[in-house]
Amino acid sequence: MKIKTMIVASTAILLFSTIIFANSARIDVFSDKNNNVELKPGIAPERGFCINTRWGDEEFRKYCIICQTGILSDKWETFSMSFIPQSDGRVYISIKGDWAKTDGKTNLDQNWIYFDNILIDGAILQNGNFCALNSENKPNNWWGEGRVVDGEAQSASGATCAKVWHNASWTQPIMVTKGKEVKITFSVKSGECIQASK
């Protein structure tokens, strides 16, 4: 009886700590200190927001935009967001999951998000469907610690897609033009949420 109870309890813990969860997708746009491209928020994703950063170094906030969708399901949805650069230069597009922490825990929860079919109007972004991979199975033109998932069952495009969470993102630099709105359209769905153990 004790062994059976332990098995049931262990199973419950596993199901509780790794579940399909209603997560949000996030795109950060930021300039490095050498370029100092001030960024103005444009359109926000439906059910979400698009704002300049409201934390960290106050002087840096105008160089960084946070765009986040509303709560997602495990079905693909397509969203758009935009920003307006205030000067010519290089900025970075970073795709990730939302910042989430369980009460009483030190580490962040791993709220996984799938991204696919990222398209940009007003600038050039490469390999937005994550189909071009290098010898290490990482997407060309992107850098980071995210994952790439193969297979029609998971991707929106029928080939490959990205899988990320807040601390395991994919990032790509793009060149922007002063005053020219940059619109980003992307497909996303929620993955699993792995709650922090400590």
Protein backbone atom coordinates (compact mmCIF):
# COMPACT_ATOMS: atom_id res chain seq x y z
CA MET A 1 0.00 0.00 0.00
CA LYS A 2 2.84 2.40 0.85
CA ILE A 3 4.57 1.75 -2.48
CA LYS A 4 1.31 2.33 -4.37
CA THR A 5 0.76 5.60 -2.49
CA MET A 6 4.28 6.74 -3.34
CA ILE A 7 3.75 5.96 -7.04
CA VAL A 8 0.47 7.89 -7.11
CA ALA A 9 2.08 10.84 -5.33
CA SER A 10 5.07 10.86 -7.66
CA THR A 11 2.79 10.79 -10.69
CA ALA A 12 0.76 13.68 -9.32
CA ILE A 13 3.91 15.73 -8.75
CA LEU A 14 5.09 15.04 -12.32
CA LEU A 15 1.75 16.03 -13.82
CA PHE A 16 1.65 19.18 -11.69
CA SER A 17 5.17 20.30 -12.56
CA THR A 18 4.98 19.61 -16.32
CA ILE A 19 1.64 20.52 -17.87
CA ILE A 20 0.22 22.20 -20.94
CA PHE A 21 -0.18 25.73 -19.68
CA ALA A 22 -1.71 28.95 -20.96
CA ASN A 23 1.48 30.88 -21.69
CA SER A 24 2.14 34.14 -23.55
CA ALA A 25 4.63 34.72 -26.38
CA ARG A 26 7.04 37.64 -26.15
CA ILE A 27 9.20 39.54 -28.63
CA ASP A 28 11.87 41.94 -27.37
CA VAL A 29 13.33 44.57 -29.71
CA PHE A 30 16.42 46.36 -28.47
CA SER A 31 19.41 48.41 -29.57
CA ASP A 32 22.95 47.83 -28.38
CA LYS A 33 24.88 50.61 -26.63
CA ASN A 34 26.99 51.29 -29.72
CA ASN A 35 23.97 52.12 -31.90
CA ASN A 36 21.55 53.80 -29.48
CA VAL A 37 18.54 53.49 -31.77
CA GLU A 38 15.61 54.90 -29.85
CA LEU A 39 12.47 52.80 -30.40
CA LYS A 40 8.84 53.88 -30.31
CA PRO A 41 6.11 51.24 -29.82
CA GLY A 42 3.62 50.80 -32.66
CA ILE A 43 0.74 48.33 -32.87
CA ALA A 44 0.36 45.74 -30.12
CA PRO A 45 -0.54 42.06 -30.58
CA GLU A 46 -4.23 41.31 -30.11
CA ARG A 47 -5.01 40.77 -26.40
CA GLY A 48 -1.46 41.87 -25.60
CA PHE A 49 0.73 44.93 -25.28
CA CYS A 50 3.70 46.71 -26.87
CA ILE A 51 5.61 49.09 -24.59
CA ASN A 52 9.03 50.48 -23.85
CA THR A 53 10.74 48.63 -21.02
CA ARG A 54 9.65 49.85 -17.59
CA TRP A 55 12.45 48.31 -15.55
CA GLY A 56 16.23 48.46 -15.44
CA ASP A 57 18.36 51.50 -16.29
CA GLU A 58 15.92 54.34 -17.00
CA GLU A 59 18.16 55.82 -19.71
CA PHE A 60 18.17 52.48 -21.58
CA ARG A 61 14.38 52.01 -21.56
CA LYS A 62 13.81 54.07 -24.72
CA TYR A 63 16.09 51.67 -26.61
CA CYS A 64 14.08 48.55 -25.75
CA ILE A 65 10.52 47.45 -26.55
CA ILE A 66 8.63 44.53 -25.04
CA CYS A 67 5.73 43.04 -27.03
CA GLN A 68 3.66 40.26 -25.52
CA THR A 69 0.61 38.38 -26.71
CA GLY A 70 -2.37 37.48 -24.62
CA ILE A 71 -2.79 33.99 -23.21
CA LEU A 72 -2.24 31.28 -25.83
CA SER A 73 -3.63 27.79 -26.32
CA ASP A 74 -1.93 24.81 -27.93
CA LYS A 75 -3.38 25.87 -31.31
CA TRP A 76 -1.48 28.12 -33.73
CA GLU A 77 -2.46 31.80 -33.84
CA THR A 78 -1.02 34.66 -35.90
CA PHE A 79 -0.25 38.07 -34.41
CA SER A 80 1.39 41.33 -35.48
CA MET A 81 3.32 44.04 -33.66
CA SER A 82 5.31 47.04 -34.81
CA PHE A 83 7.79 49.69 -33.78
CA ILE A 84 9.26 52.88 -35.23
CA PRO A 85 13.03 53.45 -35.02
CA GLN A 86 14.05 57.06 -34.39
CA SER A 87 17.37 56.72 -36.24
CA ASP A 88 19.14 54.43 -38.71
CA GLY A 89 21.03 51.52 -37.22
CA ARG A 90 21.02 47.93 -36.01
CA VAL A 91 18.52 46.50 -33.55
CA TYR A 92 17.92 42.98 -32.30
CA ILE A 93 14.77 40.85 -32.46
CA SER A 94 14.53 38.30 -29.65
CA ILE A 95 11.73 35.70 -29.45
CA LYS A 96 10.98 34.09 -26.10
CA GLY A 97 8.32 33.12 -23.59
CA ASP A 98 6.90 35.31 -20.86
CA TRP A 99 8.61 36.02 -17.52
CA ALA A 100 6.93 33.75 -14.98
CA LYS A 101 7.83 32.74 -11.45
CA THR A 102 5.94 30.54 -8.99
CA ASP A 103 5.48 32.06 -5.54
CA GLY A 104 8.21 30.96 -3.17
CA LYS A 105 10.60 29.87 -5.93
CA THR A 106 13.90 31.49 -6.87
CA ASN A 107 14.13 30.31 -10.48
CA LEU A 108 11.78 31.13 -13.34
CA ASP A 109 9.22 28.65 -14.65
CA GLN A 110 9.96 27.34 -18.13
CA ASN A 111 6.92 28.53 -20.09
CA TRP A 112 7.68 27.10 -23.53
CA ILE A 113 6.37 28.79 -26.69
CA TYR A 114 6.46 27.65 -30.32
CA PHE A 115 7.26 30.33 -32.97
CA ASP A 116 6.99 29.96 -36.74
CA ASN A 117 6.52 31.99 -39.95
CA ILE A 118 8.09 35.22 -38.68
CA LEU A 119 7.75 37.88 -41.37
CA ILE A 120 8.94 41.49 -41.33
CA ASP A 121 7.74 44.48 -43.33
CA GLY A 122 10.02 47.52 -43.22
CA ALA A 123 13.27 45.63 -42.67
CA ILE A 124 14.91 42.32 -43.59
CA LEU A 125 14.81 39.27 -41.33
CA GLN A 126 16.24 35.98 -42.52
CA ASN A 127 15.16 32.38 -41.91
CA GLY A 128 11.91 33.30 -40.20
CA ASN A 129 10.57 29.76 -40.66
CA PHE A 130 13.69 28.18 -39.09
CA CYS A 131 14.09 25.74 -41.99
CA ALA A 132 17.75 26.57 -42.75
CA LEU A 133 19.87 24.81 -40.13
CA ASN A 134 23.61 24.54 -39.61
CA SER A 135 25.63 21.42 -38.80
CA GLU A 136 24.71 21.77 -35.11
CA ASN A 137 20.98 21.78 -35.96
CA LYS A 138 20.70 25.45 -35.03
CA PRO A 139 18.84 27.94 -37.24
CA ASN A 140 21.00 30.02 -39.57
CA ASN A 141 21.04 33.77 -38.86
CA TRP A 142 19.79 33.29 -35.27
CA TRP A 143 21.80 32.93 -32.08
CA GLY A 144 20.70 31.79 -28.63
CA GLU A 145 19.77 28.77 -26.57
CA GLY A 146 16.32 27.97 -27.96
CA ARG A 147 15.35 24.76 -29.71
CA VAL A 148 14.29 23.80 -33.24
CA VAL A 149 11.45 21.31 -33.65
CA ASP A 150 10.97 19.22 -36.80
CA GLY A 151 7.77 17.80 -38.15
CA GLU A 152 4.42 18.77 -39.59
CA ALA A 153 2.63 17.90 -36.34
CA GLN A 154 4.40 20.66 -34.41
CA SER A 155 5.14 23.41 -36.93
CA ALA A 156 2.76 25.90 -38.54
CA SER A 157 4.65 25.81 -41.84
CA GLY A 158 4.78 22.03 -42.05
CA ALA A 159 8.55 21.75 -41.71
CA THR A 160 10.30 23.21 -38.67
CA CYS A 161 9.63 25.78 -35.98
CA ALA A 162 11.33 27.34 -32.99
CA LYS A 163 10.67 26.43 -29.37
CA VAL A 164 11.70 28.95 -26.71
CA TRP A 165 11.13 30.10 -23.17
CA HIS A 166 12.24 33.27 -21.36
CA ASN A 167 15.81 32.13 -20.68
CA ALA A 168 16.23 30.09 -23.88
CA SER A 169 15.49 32.49 -26.73
CA TRP A 170 16.52 33.03 -30.36
CA THR A 171 17.86 36.46 -31.42
CA GLN A 172 18.67 38.05 -34.79
CA PRO A 173 20.00 41.52 -35.69
CA ILE A 174 18.23 43.60 -38.34
CA MET A 175 19.00 46.97 -39.92
CA VAL A 176 16.34 49.68 -39.55
CA THR A 177 15.68 53.09 -41.09
CA LYS A 178 14.76 56.25 -39.21
CA GLY A 179 11.00 56.82 -39.13
CA LYS A 180 10.17 53.67 -41.13
CA GLU A 181 7.72 51.46 -39.22
CA VAL A 182 8.80 47.86 -38.84
CA LYS A 183 5.92 45.38 -38.64
CA ILE A 184 6.51 41.85 -37.40
CA THR A 185 3.94 39.12 -38.08
CA PHE A 186 4.39 35.74 -36.42
CA SER A 187 2.62 32.48 -35.60
CA VAL A 188 2.76 31.13 -32.05
CA LYS A 189 1.22 28.54 -29.77
CA SER A 190 1.70 27.52 -26.16
CA GLY A 191 3.89 24.63 -25.14
CA GLU A 192 4.35 23.03 -21.77
CA CYS A 193 5.06 24.82 -18.50
CA ILE A 194 7.76 23.28 -16.34
CA GLN A 195 7.49 24.83 -12.91
CA ALA A 196 10.74 25.66 -11.13
CA SER A 197 11.76 23.12 -8.51
CA LYS A 198 13.50 25.66 -6.31
